[in-house]
Amino acid sequence: QLSGIKREWNFASRNYYNTQTEFIQPLIANVHSRTGNTFVRTENIAPDTANDGMKYNYNALSQFSSVRNSNSSKIMKLLGFHADGTYLNLRYPENTLIMDSLLSINYNINQFQPEKYGFKQMKP
């Protein structure tokens, strides 16, 4: 049975986790030092998981929660956030500047310059 689980379930390697952490943590530290504030809303355009904000210790809207309030998720879906049919999974990618503004999302983590007016690339 264990070999069947290993074939069917994929888990990221420790090396991948370390590489991502080494990439993301300096970016978050840079945001905190530039703003002087640890509560700055940030989102990852290409997240590893639905809970990257918790995983890498930054304030994000994207999340998965099995006890999430479905009414709040329905509202977020109407505002442009991706939510699955169960409303347990709320995702940020491909959101709009209007929603970024309303919800104070000031920083996007991305490998490339986001195609959004007004976002400027920062070096770590």
Protein backbone atom coordinates (compact mmCIF):
# COMPACT_ATOMS: atom_id res chain seq x y z
CA GLN A 1 0.00 0.00 0.00
CA LEU A 2 2.78 2.45 0.82
CA SER A 3 4.32 2.14 -2.62
CA GLY A 4 0.88 2.84 -4.14
CA ILE A 5 0.56 6.03 -2.10
CA LYS A 6 4.06 7.06 -3.15
CA ARG A 7 3.08 6.65 -6.83
CA GLU A 8 -0.24 8.48 -6.52
CA TRP A 9 0.65 11.34 -4.17
CA ASN A 10 3.36 13.79 -5.09
CA PHE A 11 5.22 15.74 -2.47
CA ALA A 12 7.77 18.44 -3.12
CA SER A 13 11.31 17.55 -2.21
CA ARG A 14 13.06 19.18 0.72
CA ASN A 15 15.50 20.68 -1.80
CA TYR A 16 12.63 22.38 -3.68
CA TYR A 17 11.22 23.77 -0.43
CA ASN A 18 14.64 25.13 0.55
CA THR A 19 15.13 26.72 -2.89
CA GLN A 20 11.74 28.43 -2.74
CA THR A 21 12.35 29.62 0.81
CA GLU A 22 15.73 31.07 -0.19
CA PHE A 23 14.01 32.93 -3.05
CA ILE A 24 10.93 34.22 -1.21
CA GLN A 25 12.22 35.06 2.28
CA PRO A 26 14.62 37.83 1.11
CA LEU A 27 11.80 39.37 -0.93
CA ILE A 28 9.52 39.50 2.10
CA ALA A 29 12.33 40.89 4.28
CA ASN A 30 12.93 43.57 1.60
CA VAL A 31 9.25 44.56 1.62
CA HIS A 32 9.24 44.80 5.43
CA SER A 33 12.42 46.90 5.48
CA ARG A 34 11.18 49.25 2.72
CA THR A 35 7.82 49.82 4.36
CA GLY A 36 8.82 49.57 8.01
CA ASN A 37 5.70 47.47 8.42
CA THR A 38 5.25 43.73 8.81
CA PHE A 39 1.57 43.90 7.86
CA VAL A 40 1.90 44.53 4.16
CA ARG A 41 -0.35 42.48 1.92
CA THR A 42 1.62 40.46 -0.64
CA GLU A 43 0.56 37.78 -3.12
CA ASN A 44 2.46 35.17 -5.09
CA ILE A 45 1.54 35.02 -8.79
CA ALA A 46 2.79 31.42 -9.12
CA PRO A 47 2.20 29.87 -5.69
CA ASP A 48 3.44 26.46 -4.56
CA THR A 49 0.40 25.82 -2.41
CA ALA A 50 -2.88 27.47 -1.54
CA ASN A 51 -1.30 28.57 1.74
CA ASP A 52 1.97 30.16 0.59
CA GLY A 53 1.40 33.18 2.82
CA MET A 54 1.37 30.95 5.89
CA LYS A 55 4.11 28.72 4.53
CA TYR A 56 6.53 31.59 3.88
CA ASN A 57 5.27 34.00 6.58
CA TYR A 58 3.71 36.85 4.60
CA ASN A 59 0.22 38.36 4.63
CA ALA A 60 -1.76 36.94 1.72
CA LEU A 61 -5.41 36.55 0.80
CA SER A 62 -5.01 33.20 -0.97
CA GLN A 63 -5.73 30.26 1.26
CA PHE A 64 -7.23 26.83 1.60
CA SER A 65 -9.33 26.10 4.66
CA SER A 66 -11.76 23.27 5.20
CA VAL A 67 -13.65 25.45 7.70
CA ARG A 68 -13.68 28.60 5.58
CA ASN A 69 -16.84 30.70 5.60
CA SER A 70 -18.38 29.92 2.21
CA ASN A 71 -20.29 33.22 2.06
CA SER A 72 -17.08 35.26 2.30
CA SER A 73 -15.54 33.07 -0.42
CA LYS A 74 -18.57 33.59 -2.67
CA ILE A 75 -18.13 37.36 -2.33
CA MET A 76 -14.42 37.09 -3.12
CA LYS A 77 -15.23 35.02 -6.21
CA LEU A 78 -17.66 37.71 -7.39
CA LEU A 79 -14.86 40.25 -6.92
CA GLY A 80 -12.54 38.32 -9.24
CA PHE A 81 -10.67 35.85 -7.05
CA HIS A 82 -10.61 32.24 -8.15
CA ALA A 83 -12.56 29.97 -5.81
CA ASP A 84 -13.39 26.34 -6.40
CA GLY A 85 -16.96 25.03 -6.26
CA THR A 86 -16.71 24.18 -2.57
CA TYR A 87 -15.40 27.68 -1.74
CA LEU A 88 -12.67 26.16 0.43
CA ASN A 89 -9.89 27.31 -1.87
CA LEU A 90 -9.37 31.01 -2.63
CA ARG A 91 -6.66 31.89 -5.17
CA TYR A 92 -5.09 35.20 -6.20
CA PRO A 93 -3.36 34.71 -9.61
CA GLU A 94 -4.70 36.80 -12.51
CA ASN A 95 -6.45 39.25 -10.25
CA THR A 96 -7.17 42.86 -11.14
CA LEU A 97 -5.69 46.19 -10.09
CA ILE A 98 -9.07 47.26 -8.76
CA MET A 99 -9.13 44.34 -6.33
CA ASP A 100 -5.47 44.91 -5.44
CA SER A 101 -6.38 48.48 -4.57
CA LEU A 102 -9.53 47.64 -2.58
CA LEU A 103 -7.79 44.92 -0.59
CA SER A 104 -4.42 46.72 -0.24
CA ILE A 105 -2.33 44.16 -2.10
CA ASN A 106 0.81 46.19 -2.61
CA TYR A 107 3.33 43.55 -3.69
CA ASN A 108 3.29 40.62 -6.11
CA ILE A 109 5.92 37.89 -5.95
CA ASN A 110 6.71 36.76 -9.46
CA GLN A 111 9.61 35.45 -11.53
CA PHE A 112 8.78 38.04 -14.20
CA GLN A 113 7.38 41.54 -14.34
CA PRO A 114 3.59 41.24 -13.84
CA GLU A 115 1.47 42.56 -16.67
CA LYS A 116 -0.15 45.15 -14.45
CA TYR A 117 0.00 48.88 -14.82
CA GLY A 118 1.77 50.55 -11.93
CA PHE A 119 3.66 47.53 -10.59
CA LYS A 120 7.40 48.11 -10.62
CA GLN A 121 10.05 45.44 -10.29
CA MET A 122 12.03 45.39 -7.02
CA LYS A 123 15.33 43.64 -6.55
CA PRO A 124 15.89 41.77 -3.25
